[in-house]
Amino acid sequence: MDSGVNDELARRMGRQGRRVRLPAALIGGVCVIASLPATANTFPAKPLRVIVPFAPGGNTSFVMRAVAQTYEQHLGQPIVIDHRSGAQGVVGLQIGAQASPDGYTLTLTDSASVIVPAMMDKPPFDVLRDFAPVGQLIEQPYYFTVTPAVPATTLAEFIAHARANPNRLNYGSGGVIGQIIQDYFFGMAKVQLTHVAYRGTAPLMGGLLGNEVQVTLSGPGATIPQVQAGKLRALAVTSLKRSRDLPDVPTLDEQGFRGFDVRGWYGLLAPAGTPSVIVQRLNADLNRSLSAGPSAQLLRDRGFDPAPVSPEAFGKLLRSDLVRWSEVIRRNNLRTTP
């Protein structure tokens, strides 16, 4: 082969090489895109961690452990529950917000810990900005109850008695959400009571039974046994529908507070930036766990209503609760420190 042919071949090969040569950045982008479906298909490939931002033994711990029984079967991986309590849930949520956005660290939250940052001058995180909603676990009504020391068997009688005796009755709360909802309701009812704060539901129940406080708002787990034993009197339920556990207790809506609908809930969050395909997988298996099987039955037996929803629906609930309760916090000048 002579030199002229060699030169021609070299020129042709050079032109072909230029045609297929791609910038390194573009090649890297193509590789990342190509890897996404494989990541989604293989997720999860190791155990998941769920941060519970409260101490063991409470309702959040029970709910997460109940859900995990079925959830980890659908995921095909164990779930490790990591309790990180402190500052009314803020400590655990901050840890969850800073976790790697790969779907392997989730954080349980409730309706209270989401709004606590709204009571801080410098909140350490923004729930809407720093998290991706995965799904809701349960919802529950609250019961408005009084002790036998209160001469009222109906909500109307209670309101009349409270108006005639301003600040003579004490109302208790076992956490932020209990105080905020009661402040909200008492403002609507135009009554004045004195607030007494407790560190949790168990001390609150002790305060009620010891007559330190005469009025409270609490969930089914703590309330129902005391009502059934005759130690507390339930005057209203805060959901639009009556409770299946105490069907004789009328709703606030039925008793003149039209549209009053407040329910507690628990849900799961992932760090912001978690790929949406992984969030959707986590949500799908969570909803399967809540729709049927031992987890769903355990929750119902304890008075909780399983609440399978989409990530978008759960995100809408987060936003609406923040707007609603932030206004109550501002109006009542409620503050807390981390």
C-alpha atoms as a PDB file:
ATOM      1  CA  MET A   1       0.000   0.000   0.000  1.00  0.00           C
ATOM      2  CA  ASP A   2       1.595   3.309  -1.064  1.00  0.00           C
ATOM      3  CA  SER A   3       1.854   6.442   1.027  1.00  0.00           C
ATOM      4  CA  GLY A   4      -1.014   8.155  -0.817  1.00  0.00           C
ATOM      5  CA  VAL A   5      -3.452   5.400   0.118  1.00  0.00           C
ATOM      6  CA  ASN A   6      -2.218   5.507   3.702  1.00  0.00           C
ATOM      7  CA  ASP A   7      -2.790   9.258   3.848  1.00  0.00           C
ATOM      8  CA  GLU A   8      -6.314   8.887   2.464  1.00  0.00           C
ATOM      9  CA  LEU A   9      -7.214   6.185   5.005  1.00  0.00           C
ATOM     10  CA  ALA A  10      -5.876   8.321   7.812  1.00  0.00           C
ATOM     11  CA  ARG A  11      -7.977  11.276   6.690  1.00  0.00           C
ATOM     12  CA  ARG A  12     -11.143   9.121   6.513  1.00  0.00           C
ATOM     13  CA  MET A  13     -10.559   7.590   9.905  1.00  0.00           C
ATOM     14  CA  GLY A  14      -9.966  11.020  11.387  1.00  0.00           C
ATOM     15  CA  ARG A  15     -13.245  12.290  10.020  1.00  0.00           C
ATOM     16  CA  GLN A  16     -15.094   9.237  11.384  1.00  0.00           C
ATOM     17  CA  GLY A  17     -13.447   9.685  14.743  1.00  0.00           C
ATOM     18  CA  ARG A  18     -14.596  13.273  14.912  1.00  0.00           C
ATOM     19  CA  ARG A  19     -18.146  12.204  14.124  1.00  0.00           C
ATOM     20  CA  VAL A  20     -18.446   9.872  17.121  1.00  0.00           C
ATOM     21  CA  ARG A  21     -16.323  11.745  19.650  1.00  0.00           C
ATOM     22  CA  LEU A  22     -18.542  13.265  22.406  1.00  0.00           C
ATOM     23  CA  PRO A  23     -17.688  15.767  25.120  1.00  0.00           C
ATOM     24  CA  ALA A  24     -16.798  14.108  28.430  1.00  0.00           C
ATOM     25  CA  ALA A  25     -19.566  15.984  30.279  1.00  0.00           C
ATOM     26  CA  LEU A  26     -22.185  14.684  27.857  1.00  0.00           C
ATOM     27  CA  ILE A  27     -20.893  11.143  28.180  1.00  0.00           C
ATOM     28  CA  GLY A  28     -21.154  11.436  31.972  1.00  0.00           C
ATOM     29  CA  GLY A  29     -24.741  12.695  31.704  1.00  0.00           C
ATOM     30  CA  VAL A  30     -25.719   9.804  29.457  1.00  0.00           C
ATOM     31  CA  CYS A  31     -24.224   7.352  31.955  1.00  0.00           C
ATOM     32  CA  VAL A  32     -26.182   8.900  34.840  1.00  0.00           C
ATOM     33  CA  ILE A  33     -29.439   8.744  32.894  1.00  0.00           C
ATOM     34  CA  ALA A  34     -28.752   5.162  31.891  1.00  0.00           C
ATOM     35  CA  SER A  35     -28.130   4.218  35.512  1.00  0.00           C
ATOM     36  CA  LEU A  36     -31.426   5.590  36.886  1.00  0.00           C
ATOM     37  CA  PRO A  37     -33.707   2.738  35.756  1.00  0.00           C
ATOM     38  CA  ALA A  38     -31.249   0.197  37.131  1.00  0.00           C
ATOM     39  CA  THR A  39     -31.215   2.031  40.483  1.00  0.00           C
ATOM     40  CA  ALA A  40     -34.997   2.058  40.630  1.00  0.00           C
ATOM     41  CA  ASN A  41     -35.228  -1.599  39.668  1.00  0.00           C
ATOM     42  CA  THR A  42     -32.757  -2.726  42.301  1.00  0.00           C
ATOM     43  CA  PHE A  43     -34.026  -0.511  45.150  1.00  0.00           C
ATOM     44  CA  PRO A  44     -33.928  -1.381  47.974  1.00  0.00           C
ATOM     45  CA  ALA A  45     -30.695  -3.362  48.048  1.00  0.00           C
ATOM     46  CA  LYS A  46     -30.026  -3.023  51.786  1.00  0.00           C
ATOM     47  CA  PRO A  47     -31.944  -2.400  55.057  1.00  0.00           C
ATOM     48  CA  LEU A  48     -33.813   0.876  55.519  1.00  0.00           C
ATOM     49  CA  ARG A  49     -33.615   3.113  58.566  1.00  0.00           C
ATOM     50  CA  VAL A  50     -36.668   4.959  59.879  1.00  0.00           C
ATOM     51  CA  ILE A  51     -35.938   7.763  62.329  1.00  0.00           C
ATOM     52  CA  VAL A  52     -38.659   8.091  64.962  1.00  0.00           C
ATOM     53  CA  PRO A  53     -38.138  11.514  66.589  1.00  0.00           C
ATOM     54  CA  PHE A  54     -39.670  10.496  69.915  1.00  0.00           C
ATOM     55  CA  ALA A  55     -38.769   8.197  72.785  1.00  0.00           C
ATOM     56  CA  PRO A  56     -39.655   4.481  72.586  1.00  0.00           C
ATOM     57  CA  GLY A  57     -42.924   3.321  74.087  1.00  0.00           C
ATOM     58  CA  GLY A  58     -45.303   5.974  72.769  1.00  0.00           C
ATOM     59  CA  ASN A  59     -47.880   5.892  69.996  1.00  0.00           C
ATOM     60  CA  THR A  60     -45.377   6.844  67.290  1.00  0.00           C
ATOM     61  CA  SER A  61     -43.198   3.903  68.266  1.00  0.00           C
ATOM     62  CA  PHE A  62     -46.165   1.515  68.260  1.00  0.00           C
ATOM     63  CA  VAL A  63     -47.464   2.721  64.889  1.00  0.00           C
ATOM     64  CA  MET A  64     -44.091   2.494  63.149  1.00  0.00           C
ATOM     65  CA  ARG A  65     -43.378  -0.973  64.539  1.00  0.00           C
ATOM     66  CA  ALA A  66     -46.838  -2.151  63.541  1.00  0.00           C
ATOM     67  CA  VAL A  67     -46.447  -0.820  60.002  1.00  0.00           C
ATOM     68  CA  ALA A  68     -42.918  -2.205  59.670  1.00  0.00           C
ATOM     69  CA  GLN A  69     -44.160  -5.776  60.136  1.00  0.00           C
ATOM     70  CA  THR A  70     -45.805  -5.778  56.711  1.00  0.00           C
ATOM     71  CA  TYR A  71     -43.867  -2.947  55.069  1.00  0.00           C
ATOM     72  CA  GLU A  72     -40.522  -4.738  55.199  1.00  0.00           C
ATOM     73  CA  GLN A  73     -42.088  -7.825  53.625  1.00  0.00           C
ATOM     74  CA  HIS A  74     -43.204  -5.798  50.598  1.00  0.00           C
ATOM     75  CA  LEU A  75     -39.876  -3.954  50.383  1.00  0.00           C
ATOM     76  CA  GLY A  76     -37.900  -7.153  50.729  1.00  0.00           C
ATOM     77  CA  GLN A  77     -35.530  -5.587  53.247  1.00  0.00           C
ATOM     78  CA  PRO A  78     -35.494  -5.157  57.046  1.00  0.00           C
ATOM     79  CA  ILE A  79     -36.501  -1.842  58.591  1.00  0.00           C
ATOM     80  CA  VAL A  80     -34.362  -0.539  61.444  1.00  0.00           C
ATOM     81  CA  ILE A  81     -36.232   1.859  63.749  1.00  0.00           C
ATOM     82  CA  ASP A  82     -33.943   4.538  65.165  1.00  0.00           C
ATOM     83  CA  HIS A  83     -35.372   6.630  68.028  1.00  0.00           C
ATOM     84  CA  ARG A  84     -33.886  10.138  68.140  1.00  0.00           C
ATOM     85  CA  SER A  85     -35.993  12.110  70.598  1.00  0.00           C
ATOM     86  CA  GLY A  86     -35.625  15.720  71.676  1.00  0.00           C
ATOM     87  CA  ALA A  87     -37.147  19.191  71.287  1.00  0.00           C
ATOM     88  CA  GLN A  88     -40.651  17.867  70.503  1.00  0.00           C
ATOM     89  CA  GLY A  89     -39.466  15.953  67.456  1.00  0.00           C
ATOM     90  CA  VAL A  90     -37.169  18.621  66.040  1.00  0.00           C
ATOM     91  CA  VAL A  91     -33.910  16.743  66.775  1.00  0.00           C
ATOM     92  CA  GLY A  92     -34.935  13.637  64.846  1.00  0.00           C
ATOM     93  CA  LEU A  93     -36.401  15.597  61.956  1.00  0.00           C
ATOM     94  CA  GLN A  94     -33.219  17.622  61.593  1.00  0.00           C
ATOM     95  CA  ILE A  95     -31.186  14.402  61.402  1.00  0.00           C
ATOM     96  CA  GLY A  96     -33.582  13.070  58.776  1.00  0.00           C
ATOM     97  CA  ALA A  97     -33.378  16.248  56.707  1.00  0.00           C
ATOM     98  CA  GLN A  98     -29.590  15.944  56.556  1.00  0.00           C
ATOM     99  CA  ALA A  99     -29.543  12.257  55.554  1.00  0.00           C
ATOM    100  CA  SER A 100     -28.443  11.089  52.121  1.00  0.00           C
ATOM    101  CA  PRO A 101     -31.341  11.400  49.609  1.00  0.00           C
ATOM    102  CA  ASP A 102     -31.134   7.801  48.452  1.00  0.00           C
ATOM    103  CA  GLY A 103     -34.321   6.385  49.971  1.00  0.00           C
ATOM    104  CA  TYR A 104     -32.567   4.410  52.684  1.00  0.00           C
ATOM    105  CA  THR A 105     -33.283   6.881  55.504  1.00  0.00           C
ATOM    106  CA  LEU A 106     -36.857   7.933  56.194  1.00  0.00           C
ATOM    107  CA  THR A 107     -38.261   9.989  59.057  1.00  0.00           C
ATOM    108  CA  LEU A 108     -41.562   9.487  60.807  1.00  0.00           C
ATOM    109  CA  THR A 109     -43.387  12.699  61.553  1.00  0.00           C
ATOM    110  CA  ASP A 110     -46.693  13.639  63.129  1.00  0.00           C
ATOM    111  CA  SER A 111     -49.002  16.611  62.944  1.00  0.00           C
ATOM    112  CA  ALA A 112     -47.289  18.178  65.958  1.00  0.00           C
ATOM    113  CA  SER A 113     -43.611  17.937  65.049  1.00  0.00           C
ATOM    114  CA  VAL A 114     -44.301  19.432  61.622  1.00  0.00           C
ATOM    115  CA  ILE A 115     -45.609  22.670  63.113  1.00  0.00           C
ATOM    116  CA  VAL A 116     -43.152  23.073  66.016  1.00  0.00           C
ATOM    117  CA  PRO A 117     -40.659  24.944  63.776  1.00  0.00           C
ATOM    118  CA  ALA A 118     -43.342  27.597  63.224  1.00  0.00           C
ATOM    119  CA  MET A 119     -43.026  28.374  66.949  1.00  0.00           C
ATOM    120  CA  MET A 120     -39.257  28.975  66.741  1.00  0.00           C
ATOM    121  CA  ASP A 121     -37.424  32.179  65.955  1.00  0.00           C
ATOM    122  CA  LYS A 122     -34.806  30.300  63.927  1.00  0.00           C
ATOM    123  CA  PRO A 123     -36.148  26.900  62.876  1.00  0.00           C
ATOM    124  CA  PRO A 124     -33.391  24.439  61.925  1.00  0.00           C
ATOM    125  CA  PHE A 125     -35.234  23.121  58.872  1.00  0.00           C
ATOM    126  CA  ASP A 126     -38.164  23.776  56.564  1.00  0.00           C
ATOM    127  CA  VAL A 127     -40.497  20.794  56.253  1.00  0.00           C
ATOM    128  CA  LEU A 128     -41.661  21.717  52.750  1.00  0.00           C
ATOM    129  CA  ARG A 129     -38.193  22.584  51.436  1.00  0.00           C
ATOM    130  CA  ASP A 130     -36.016  19.963  53.129  1.00  0.00           C
ATOM    131  CA  PHE A 131     -38.200  16.868  52.791  1.00  0.00           C
ATOM    132  CA  ALA A 132     -39.993  14.861  50.125  1.00  0.00           C
ATOM    133  CA  PRO A 133     -43.363  13.443  51.271  1.00  0.00           C
ATOM    134  CA  VAL A 134     -43.495   9.651  51.020  1.00  0.00           C
ATOM    135  CA  GLY A 135     -46.898   8.828  52.465  1.00  0.00           C
ATOM    136  CA  GLN A 136     -49.283   8.933  55.377  1.00  0.00           C
ATOM    137  CA  LEU A 137     -49.490   6.090  57.894  1.00  0.00           C
ATOM    138  CA  ILE A 138     -52.576   6.757  59.998  1.00  0.00           C
ATOM    139  CA  GLU A 139     -55.052   9.375  61.032  1.00  0.00           C
ATOM    140  CA  GLN A 140     -56.959   9.620  64.283  1.00  0.00           C
ATOM    141  CA  PRO A 141     -59.664  11.804  65.772  1.00  0.00           C
ATOM    142  CA  TYR A 142     -59.209  13.730  68.986  1.00  0.00           C
ATOM    143  CA  TYR A 143     -61.716  13.630  71.825  1.00  0.00           C
ATOM    144  CA  PHE A 144     -62.715  16.642  73.881  1.00  0.00           C
ATOM    145  CA  THR A 145     -63.111  15.295  77.409  1.00  0.00           C
ATOM    146  CA  VAL A 146     -63.821  16.553  80.919  1.00  0.00           C
ATOM    147  CA  THR A 147     -63.487  15.000  84.361  1.00  0.00           C
ATOM    148  CA  PRO A 148     -66.534  14.183  86.520  1.00  0.00           C
ATOM    149  CA  ALA A 149     -65.713  17.343  88.510  1.00  0.00           C
ATOM    150  CA  VAL A 150     -67.066  19.452  85.619  1.00  0.00           C
ATOM    151  CA  PRO A 151     -70.872  19.809  85.907  1.00  0.00           C
ATOM    152  CA  ALA A 152     -71.548  19.225  82.216  1.00  0.00           C
ATOM    153  CA  THR A 153     -72.776  16.238  80.246  1.00  0.00           C
ATOM    154  CA  THR A 154     -72.961  18.028  76.881  1.00  0.00           C
ATOM    155  CA  LEU A 155     -70.719  20.459  75.043  1.00  0.00           C
ATOM    156  CA  ALA A 156     -73.324  23.229  75.356  1.00  0.00           C
ATOM    157  CA  GLU A 157     -73.420  22.781  79.130  1.00  0.00           C
ATOM    158  CA  PHE A 158     -69.630  22.881  79.295  1.00  0.00           C
ATOM    159  CA  ILE A 159     -69.440  26.111  77.309  1.00  0.00           C
ATOM    160  CA  ALA A 160     -72.103  27.737  79.486  1.00  0.00           C
ATOM    161  CA  HIS A 161     -70.259  26.671  82.651  1.00  0.00           C
ATOM    162  CA  ALA A 162     -66.878  27.853  81.342  1.00  0.00           C
ATOM    163  CA  ARG A 163     -68.261  31.245  80.310  1.00  0.00           C
ATOM    164  CA  ALA A 164     -69.801  31.698  83.752  1.00  0.00           C
ATOM    165  CA  ASN A 165     -66.484  30.799  85.406  1.00  0.00           C
ATOM    166  CA  PRO A 166     -63.655  32.309  83.324  1.00  0.00           C
ATOM    167  CA  ASN A 167     -60.195  30.860  84.081  1.00  0.00           C
ATOM    168  CA  ARG A 168     -61.621  28.676  86.865  1.00  0.00           C
ATOM    169  CA  LEU A 169     -61.081  25.493  84.856  1.00  0.00           C
ATOM    170  CA  ASN A 170     -57.667  24.130  83.891  1.00  0.00           C
ATOM    171  CA  TYR A 171     -57.058  22.446  80.577  1.00  0.00           C
ATOM    172  CA  GLY A 172     -54.096  20.156  79.987  1.00  0.00           C
ATOM    173  CA  SER A 173     -51.996  19.240  76.976  1.00  0.00           C
ATOM    174  CA  GLY A 174     -49.437  16.495  76.517  1.00  0.00           C
ATOM    175  CA  GLY A 175     -47.754  18.230  73.605  1.00  0.00           C
ATOM    176  CA  VAL A 176     -47.849  21.184  71.248  1.00  0.00           C
ATOM    177  CA  ILE A 177     -50.669  19.993  69.018  1.00  0.00           C
ATOM    178  CA  GLY A 178     -53.021  19.444  71.968  1.00  0.00           C
ATOM    179  CA  GLN A 179     -52.465  22.981  73.182  1.00  0.00           C
ATOM    180  CA  ILE A 180     -52.838  24.537  69.738  1.00  0.00           C
ATOM    181  CA  ILE A 181     -56.072  22.723  68.877  1.00  0.00           C
ATOM    182  CA  GLN A 182     -57.597  23.566  72.259  1.00  0.00           C
ATOM    183  CA  ASP A 183     -56.587  27.214  71.922  1.00  0.00           C
ATOM    184  CA  TYR A 184     -58.192  27.168  68.481  1.00  0.00           C
ATOM    185  CA  PHE A 185     -61.423  25.659  69.769  1.00  0.00           C
ATOM    186  CA  PHE A 186     -61.660  27.796  72.925  1.00  0.00           C
ATOM    187  CA  GLY A 187     -61.280  30.896  70.783  1.00  0.00           C
ATOM    188  CA  MET A 188     -64.213  29.770  68.650  1.00  0.00           C
ATOM    189  CA  ALA A 189     -66.270  28.919  71.748  1.00  0.00           C
ATOM    190  CA  LYS A 190     -65.337  32.217  73.442  1.00  0.00           C
ATOM    191  CA  VAL A 191     -64.271  30.626  76.716  1.00  0.00           C
ATOM    192  CA  GLN A 192     -61.203  31.236  78.883  1.00  0.00           C
ATOM    193  CA  LEU A 193     -59.366  28.408  80.623  1.00  0.00           C
ATOM    194  CA  THR A 194     -55.940  28.152  82.246  1.00  0.00           C
ATOM    195  CA  HIS A 195     -53.376  26.018  80.426  1.00  0.00           C
ATOM    196  CA  VAL A 196     -51.225  23.396  82.171  1.00  0.00           C
ATOM    197  CA  ALA A 197     -48.548  21.690  80.056  1.00  0.00           C
ATOM    198  CA  TYR A 198     -47.403  18.097  80.579  1.00  0.00           C
ATOM    199  CA  ARG A 199     -44.499  16.194  79.075  1.00  0.00           C
ATOM    200  CA  GLY A 200     -46.507  13.565  77.277  1.00  0.00           C
ATOM    201  CA  THR A 201     -49.869  11.862  77.337  1.00  0.00           C
ATOM    202  CA  ALA A 202     -49.219   9.617  80.349  1.00  0.00           C
ATOM    203  CA  PRO A 203     -48.491  12.551  82.724  1.00  0.00           C
ATOM    204  CA  LEU A 204     -51.495  14.372  81.256  1.00  0.00           C
ATOM    205  CA  MET A 205     -53.783  11.471  82.136  1.00  0.00           C
ATOM    206  CA  GLY A 206     -52.323  11.479  85.637  1.00  0.00           C
ATOM    207  CA  GLY A 207     -53.115  15.178  85.929  1.00  0.00           C
ATOM    208  CA  LEU A 208     -56.702  14.594  84.832  1.00  0.00           C
ATOM    209  CA  LEU A 209     -57.285  11.709  87.202  1.00  0.00           C
ATOM    210  CA  GLY A 210     -55.687  13.732  90.022  1.00  0.00           C
ATOM    211  CA  ASN A 211     -57.910  16.755  89.204  1.00  0.00           C
ATOM    212  CA  GLU A 212     -54.939  19.047  88.454  1.00  0.00           C
ATOM    213  CA  VAL A 213     -56.720  19.741  85.167  1.00  0.00           C
ATOM    214  CA  GLN A 214     -60.373  19.197  84.339  1.00  0.00           C
ATOM    215  CA  VAL A 215     -60.420  19.468  80.544  1.00  0.00           C
ATOM    216  CA  THR A 216     -58.321  18.082  77.712  1.00  0.00           C
ATOM    217  CA  LEU A 217     -58.126  17.002  74.110  1.00  0.00           C
ATOM    218  CA  SER A 218     -56.408  13.672  73.410  1.00  0.00           C
ATOM    219  CA  GLY A 219     -56.272  10.778  70.990  1.00  0.00           C
ATOM    220  CA  PRO A 220     -58.089   7.431  71.146  1.00  0.00           C
ATOM    221  CA  GLY A 221     -55.286   5.385  72.693  1.00  0.00           C
ATOM    222  CA  ALA A 222     -55.310   7.378  75.922  1.00  0.00           C
ATOM    223  CA  THR A 223     -58.920   8.519  75.958  1.00  0.00           C
ATOM    224  CA  ILE A 224     -61.061   5.503  75.154  1.00  0.00           C
ATOM    225  CA  PRO A 225     -60.078   3.328  78.158  1.00  0.00           C
ATOM    226  CA  GLN A 226     -60.684   6.221  80.572  1.00  0.00           C
ATOM    227  CA  VAL A 227     -64.071   7.034  79.030  1.00  0.00           C
ATOM    228  CA  GLN A 228     -65.136   3.387  79.098  1.00  0.00           C
ATOM    229  CA  ALA A 229     -64.072   3.190  82.764  1.00  0.00           C
ATOM    230  CA  GLY A 230     -66.165   6.269  83.613  1.00  0.00           C
ATOM    231  CA  LYS A 231     -63.149   8.340  84.677  1.00  0.00           C
ATOM    232  CA  LEU A 232     -63.527  10.833  81.836  1.00  0.00           C
ATOM    233  CA  ARG A 233     -66.583  12.120  79.979  1.00  0.00           C
ATOM    234  CA  ALA A 234     -66.259  12.615  76.211  1.00  0.00           C
ATOM    235  CA  LEU A 235     -68.291  15.599  75.017  1.00  0.00           C
ATOM    236  CA  ALA A 236     -67.195  15.792  71.381  1.00  0.00           C
ATOM    237  CA  VAL A 237     -64.985  14.286  68.697  1.00  0.00           C
ATOM    238  CA  THR A 238     -63.001  16.591  66.409  1.00  0.00           C
ATOM    239  CA  SER A 239     -63.472  14.754  63.097  1.00  0.00           C
ATOM    240  CA  LEU A 240     -66.376  15.353  60.746  1.00  0.00           C
ATOM    241  CA  LYS A 241     -67.522  11.768  61.199  1.00  0.00           C
ATOM    242  CA  ARG A 242     -68.245  10.093  64.507  1.00  0.00           C
ATOM    243  CA  SER A 243     -65.682   7.658  65.812  1.00  0.00           C
ATOM    244  CA  ARG A 244     -66.246   3.940  65.321  1.00  0.00           C
ATOM    245  CA  ASP A 245     -64.862   3.384  68.842  1.00  0.00           C
ATOM    246  CA  LEU A 246     -67.179   5.861  70.630  1.00  0.00           C
ATOM    247  CA  PRO A 247     -70.113   6.201  68.212  1.00  0.00           C
ATOM    248  CA  ASP A 248     -72.373   7.905  70.774  1.00  0.00           C
ATOM    249  CA  VAL A 249     -70.063  10.922  71.060  1.00  0.00           C
ATOM    250  CA  PRO A 250     -71.241  13.694  68.689  1.00  0.00           C
ATOM    251  CA  THR A 251     -68.877  15.680  66.511  1.00  0.00           C
ATOM    252  CA  LEU A 252     -68.124  19.353  67.008  1.00  0.00           C
ATOM    253  CA  ASP A 253     -69.660  19.944  63.592  1.00  0.00           C
ATOM    254  CA  GLU A 254     -72.940  18.433  64.805  1.00  0.00           C
ATOM    255  CA  GLN A 255     -72.908  20.702  67.854  1.00  0.00           C
ATOM    256  CA  GLY A 256     -72.774  24.019  66.049  1.00  0.00           C
ATOM    257  CA  PHE A 257     -69.101  24.326  65.084  1.00  0.00           C
ATOM    258  CA  ARG A 258     -69.727  23.872  61.389  1.00  0.00           C
ATOM    259  CA  GLY A 259     -66.897  22.450  59.358  1.00  0.00           C
ATOM    260  CA  PHE A 260     -64.691  21.750  62.380  1.00  0.00           C
ATOM    261  CA  ASP A 261     -62.488  18.889  61.251  1.00  0.00           C
ATOM    262  CA  VAL A 262     -59.190  18.220  63.006  1.00  0.00           C
ATOM    263  CA  ARG A 263     -57.472  14.863  62.929  1.00  0.00           C
ATOM    264  CA  GLY A 264     -54.040  13.793  64.023  1.00  0.00           C
ATOM    265  CA  TRP A 265     -51.818  11.862  61.641  1.00  0.00           C
ATOM    266  CA  TYR A 266     -48.438  10.203  61.240  1.00  0.00           C
ATOM    267  CA  GLY A 267     -46.472  10.041  58.001  1.00  0.00           C
ATOM    268  CA  LEU A 268     -43.105   9.272  56.437  1.00  0.00           C
ATOM    269  CA  LEU A 269     -40.696  11.776  54.891  1.00  0.00           C
ATOM    270  CA  ALA A 270     -37.573  11.301  52.789  1.00  0.00           C
ATOM    271  CA  PRO A 271     -34.798  13.883  52.429  1.00  0.00           C
ATOM    272  CA  ALA A 272     -35.352  16.433  49.674  1.00  0.00           C
ATOM    273  CA  GLY A 273     -33.736  15.329  46.434  1.00  0.00           C
ATOM    274  CA  THR A 274     -34.682  11.663  46.793  1.00  0.00           C
ATOM    275  CA  PRO A 275     -35.426  10.431  43.230  1.00  0.00           C
ATOM    276  CA  SER A 276     -39.146  10.461  42.560  1.00  0.00           C
ATOM    277  CA  VAL A 277     -39.069   6.903  41.227  1.00  0.00           C
ATOM    278  CA  ILE A 278     -37.769   5.719  44.605  1.00  0.00           C
ATOM    279  CA  VAL A 279     -40.355   7.808  46.481  1.00  0.00           C
ATOM    280  CA  GLN A 280     -43.075   6.208  44.360  1.00  0.00           C
ATOM    281  CA  ARG A 281     -41.749   2.721  45.150  1.00  0.00           C
ATOM    282  CA  LEU A 282     -41.659   3.501  48.876  1.00  0.00           C
ATOM    283  CA  ASN A 283     -45.191   4.864  48.699  1.00  0.00           C
ATOM    284  CA  ALA A 284     -46.590   1.922  46.745  1.00  0.00           C
ATOM    285  CA  ASP A 285     -45.262  -0.663  49.209  1.00  0.00           C
ATOM    286  CA  LEU A 286     -46.365   1.461  52.178  1.00  0.00           C
ATOM    287  CA  ASN A 287     -49.912   1.708  50.845  1.00  0.00           C
ATOM    288  CA  ARG A 288     -50.020  -2.049  50.242  1.00  0.00           C
ATOM    289  CA  SER A 289     -49.011  -2.530  53.877  1.00  0.00           C
ATOM    290  CA  LEU A 290     -51.745  -0.218  55.120  1.00  0.00           C
ATOM    291  CA  SER A 291     -54.525  -1.611  52.937  1.00  0.00           C
ATOM    292  CA  ALA A 292     -54.508  -5.191  54.187  1.00  0.00           C
ATOM    293  CA  GLY A 293     -52.658  -7.643  56.379  1.00  0.00           C
ATOM    294  CA  PRO A 294     -51.472  -7.774  59.991  1.00  0.00           C
ATOM    295  CA  SER A 295     -50.223  -4.164  60.101  1.00  0.00           C
ATOM    296  CA  ALA A 296     -53.602  -2.733  59.147  1.00  0.00           C
ATOM    297  CA  GLN A 297     -55.368  -4.909  61.718  1.00  0.00           C
ATOM    298  CA  LEU A 298     -52.953  -3.982  64.507  1.00  0.00           C
ATOM    299  CA  LEU A 299     -53.545  -0.293  63.842  1.00  0.00           C
ATOM    300  CA  ARG A 300     -57.332  -0.607  63.812  1.00  0.00           C
ATOM    301  CA  ASP A 301     -57.300  -2.620  67.012  1.00  0.00           C
ATOM    302  CA  ARG A 302     -55.495   0.272  68.706  1.00  0.00           C
ATOM    303  CA  GLY A 303     -57.972   2.907  67.480  1.00  0.00           C
ATOM    304  CA  PHE A 304     -55.942   4.208  64.512  1.00  0.00           C
ATOM    305  CA  ASP A 305     -57.257   4.469  60.962  1.00  0.00           C
ATOM    306  CA  PRO A 306     -54.766   3.371  58.267  1.00  0.00           C
ATOM    307  CA  ALA A 307     -54.513   6.171  55.698  1.00  0.00           C
ATOM    308  CA  PRO A 308     -52.890   5.122  52.404  1.00  0.00           C
ATOM    309  CA  VAL A 309     -52.518   8.165  50.137  1.00  0.00           C
ATOM    310  CA  SER A 310     -50.201   9.333  47.348  1.00  0.00           C
ATOM    311  CA  PRO A 311     -47.064  11.399  48.046  1.00  0.00           C
ATOM    312  CA  GLU A 312     -48.843  14.352  46.428  1.00  0.00           C
ATOM    313  CA  ALA A 313     -51.864  14.037  48.720  1.00  0.00           C
ATOM    314  CA  PHE A 314     -49.636  13.776  51.785  1.00  0.00           C
ATOM    315  CA  GLY A 315     -47.711  16.859  50.652  1.00  0.00           C
ATOM    316  CA  LYS A 316     -50.993  18.753  50.338  1.00  0.00           C
ATOM    317  CA  LEU A 317     -51.872  17.771  53.920  1.00  0.00           C
ATOM    318  CA  LEU A 318     -48.496  19.055  55.154  1.00  0.00           C
ATOM    319  CA  ARG A 319     -49.008  22.403  53.456  1.00  0.00           C
ATOM    320  CA  SER A 320     -52.587  22.852  54.656  1.00  0.00           C
ATOM    321  CA  ASP A 321     -51.690  22.011  58.273  1.00  0.00           C
ATOM    322  CA  LEU A 322     -48.761  24.425  58.248  1.00  0.00           C
ATOM    323  CA  VAL A 323     -50.966  27.244  56.977  1.00  0.00           C
ATOM    324  CA  ARG A 324     -53.803  26.474  59.383  1.00  0.00           C
ATOM    325  CA  TRP A 325     -51.786  26.089  62.571  1.00  0.00           C
ATOM    326  CA  SER A 326     -49.217  28.777  61.814  1.00  0.00           C
ATOM    327  CA  GLU A 327     -52.082  31.266  61.916  1.00  0.00           C
ATOM    328  CA  VAL A 328     -53.197  29.955  65.332  1.00  0.00           C
ATOM    329  CA  ILE A 329     -49.593  30.149  66.555  1.00  0.00           C
ATOM    330  CA  ARG A 330     -49.263  33.755  65.435  1.00  0.00           C
ATOM    331  CA  ARG A 331     -52.626  34.770  66.860  1.00  0.00           C
ATOM    332  CA  ASN A 332     -51.866  33.280  70.269  1.00  0.00           C
ATOM    333  CA  ASN A 333     -48.165  34.249  70.219  1.00  0.00           C
ATOM    334  CA  LEU A 334     -47.099  30.671  70.990  1.00  0.00           C
ATOM    335  CA  ARG A 335     -43.313  30.258  71.151  1.00  0.00           C
ATOM    336  CA  THR A 336     -40.890  27.464  71.919  1.00  0.00           C
ATOM    337  CA  THR A 337     -37.136  26.887  71.809  1.00  0.00           C
ATOM    338  CA  PRO A 338     -35.267  24.029  70.084  1.00  0.00           C
END
